[in-house]
Amino acid sequence: MNTKGKGGETEAEIIHTFISRGYSISVPFGDNDKYDIIVDSGQNICRVQCKTGWANKDATTQKMELRFDAEINHPSINWAEDYEFDGEIR
């Protein structure tokens, strides 16, 4: 699957997750915006940019590295858990 297809698959999974949790979703026309979907919680409206992630030992080929564990805790580490959806839009 090419990168555009994989990105579309990721967006579909994210949209499904939001809808199954009761959120209203809007998708902007075209692909020129800095966000992929709009999520309406009934109290807040949020712009969401969807990203595809995977575990990879060679993080040098990534634009952004997310760590699942590390021997040190440094402020520059992007922890994967900080980017996981916990089921609620605030």
Protein backbone atom coordinates (compact mmCIF):
# COMPACT_ATOMS: atom_id res chain seq x y z
CA MET A 1 0.00 0.00 0.00
CA ASN A 2 1.33 3.46 -0.85
CA THR A 3 1.65 6.27 1.72
CA LYS A 4 -1.54 8.06 0.56
CA GLY A 5 -3.51 4.83 0.96
CA LYS A 6 -2.03 4.15 4.40
CA GLY A 7 -2.84 7.72 5.47
CA GLY A 8 -6.44 7.27 4.30
CA GLU A 9 -6.68 4.02 6.25
CA THR A 10 -5.38 5.78 9.38
CA GLU A 11 -7.92 8.61 8.99
CA ALA A 12 -10.75 6.08 8.56
CA GLU A 13 -9.73 4.26 11.75
CA ILE A 14 -9.54 7.53 13.70
CA ILE A 15 -12.92 8.70 12.36
CA HIS A 16 -14.43 5.33 13.33
CA THR A 17 -13.03 5.65 16.85
CA PHE A 18 -14.47 9.14 17.35
CA ILE A 19 -17.90 8.23 15.92
CA SER A 20 -18.11 5.06 18.02
CA ARG A 21 -17.53 7.23 21.11
CA GLY A 22 -20.34 9.61 20.21
CA TYR A 23 -18.47 12.50 18.60
CA SER A 24 -19.65 14.30 15.45
CA ILE A 25 -17.05 14.43 12.66
CA SER A 26 -16.58 16.80 9.74
CA VAL A 27 -14.05 16.38 6.97
CA PRO A 28 -12.75 19.50 5.18
CA PHE A 29 -13.01 19.66 1.41
CA GLY A 30 -9.66 19.05 -0.30
CA ASP A 31 -6.36 18.37 1.42
CA ASN A 32 -4.86 21.84 1.77
CA ASP A 33 -5.69 22.43 5.44
CA LYS A 34 -3.34 21.84 8.38
CA TYR A 35 -5.85 19.36 9.81
CA ASP A 36 -7.57 16.23 8.54
CA ILE A 37 -10.85 16.15 10.47
CA ILE A 38 -12.95 18.34 12.75
CA VAL A 39 -14.29 16.74 15.93
CA ASP A 40 -17.36 18.17 17.67
CA SER A 41 -17.92 17.01 21.26
CA GLY A 42 -21.08 19.06 21.67
CA GLN A 43 -19.15 21.53 23.85
CA ASN A 44 -15.89 21.95 21.92
CA ILE A 45 -14.80 21.80 18.30
CA CYS A 46 -11.26 20.57 17.66
CA ARG A 47 -9.15 20.34 14.53
CA VAL A 48 -7.28 17.03 14.36
CA GLN A 49 -4.32 16.12 12.21
CA CYS A 50 -4.03 12.34 11.78
CA LYS A 51 -0.64 10.64 11.71
CA THR A 52 0.30 7.05 11.03
CA GLY A 53 2.73 5.56 13.52
CA TRP A 54 4.59 2.29 13.80
CA ALA A 55 7.27 0.71 15.91
CA ASN A 56 10.61 1.01 14.14
CA LYS A 57 14.09 0.22 15.41
CA ASP A 58 15.69 2.56 12.87
CA ALA A 59 14.20 5.86 14.08
CA THR A 60 16.68 7.87 12.00
CA THR A 61 14.35 7.56 9.00
CA GLN A 62 11.45 9.11 10.94
CA LYS A 63 10.57 12.79 11.08
CA MET A 64 9.41 12.40 14.68
CA GLU A 65 10.34 9.63 17.04
CA LEU A 66 7.94 8.41 19.70
CA ARG A 67 9.46 6.43 22.53
CA PHE A 68 7.68 3.58 24.27
CA ASP A 69 10.40 3.18 26.88
CA ALA A 70 13.86 4.53 27.62
CA GLU A 71 16.57 4.21 30.23
CA ILE A 72 16.53 7.97 30.79
CA ASN A 73 13.78 10.56 31.07
CA HIS A 74 14.73 13.66 29.10
CA PRO A 75 12.47 16.64 28.25
CA SER A 76 13.17 16.23 24.52
CA ILE A 77 11.74 12.68 24.44
CA ASN A 78 8.34 12.38 22.77
CA TRP A 79 6.56 9.69 24.78
CA ALA A 80 4.08 7.62 22.73
CA GLU A 81 1.56 7.64 25.58
CA ASP A 82 1.35 11.45 25.38
CA TYR A 83 -0.03 11.12 21.84
CA GLU A 84 -2.55 8.34 22.48
CA PHE A 85 -6.25 9.16 22.37
CA ASP A 86 -7.78 8.53 25.78
CA GLY A 87 -11.36 8.66 24.51
CA GLU A 88 -12.22 12.23 25.46
CA ILE A 89 -11.92 15.61 23.73
CA ARG A 90 -11.41 18.41 26.24
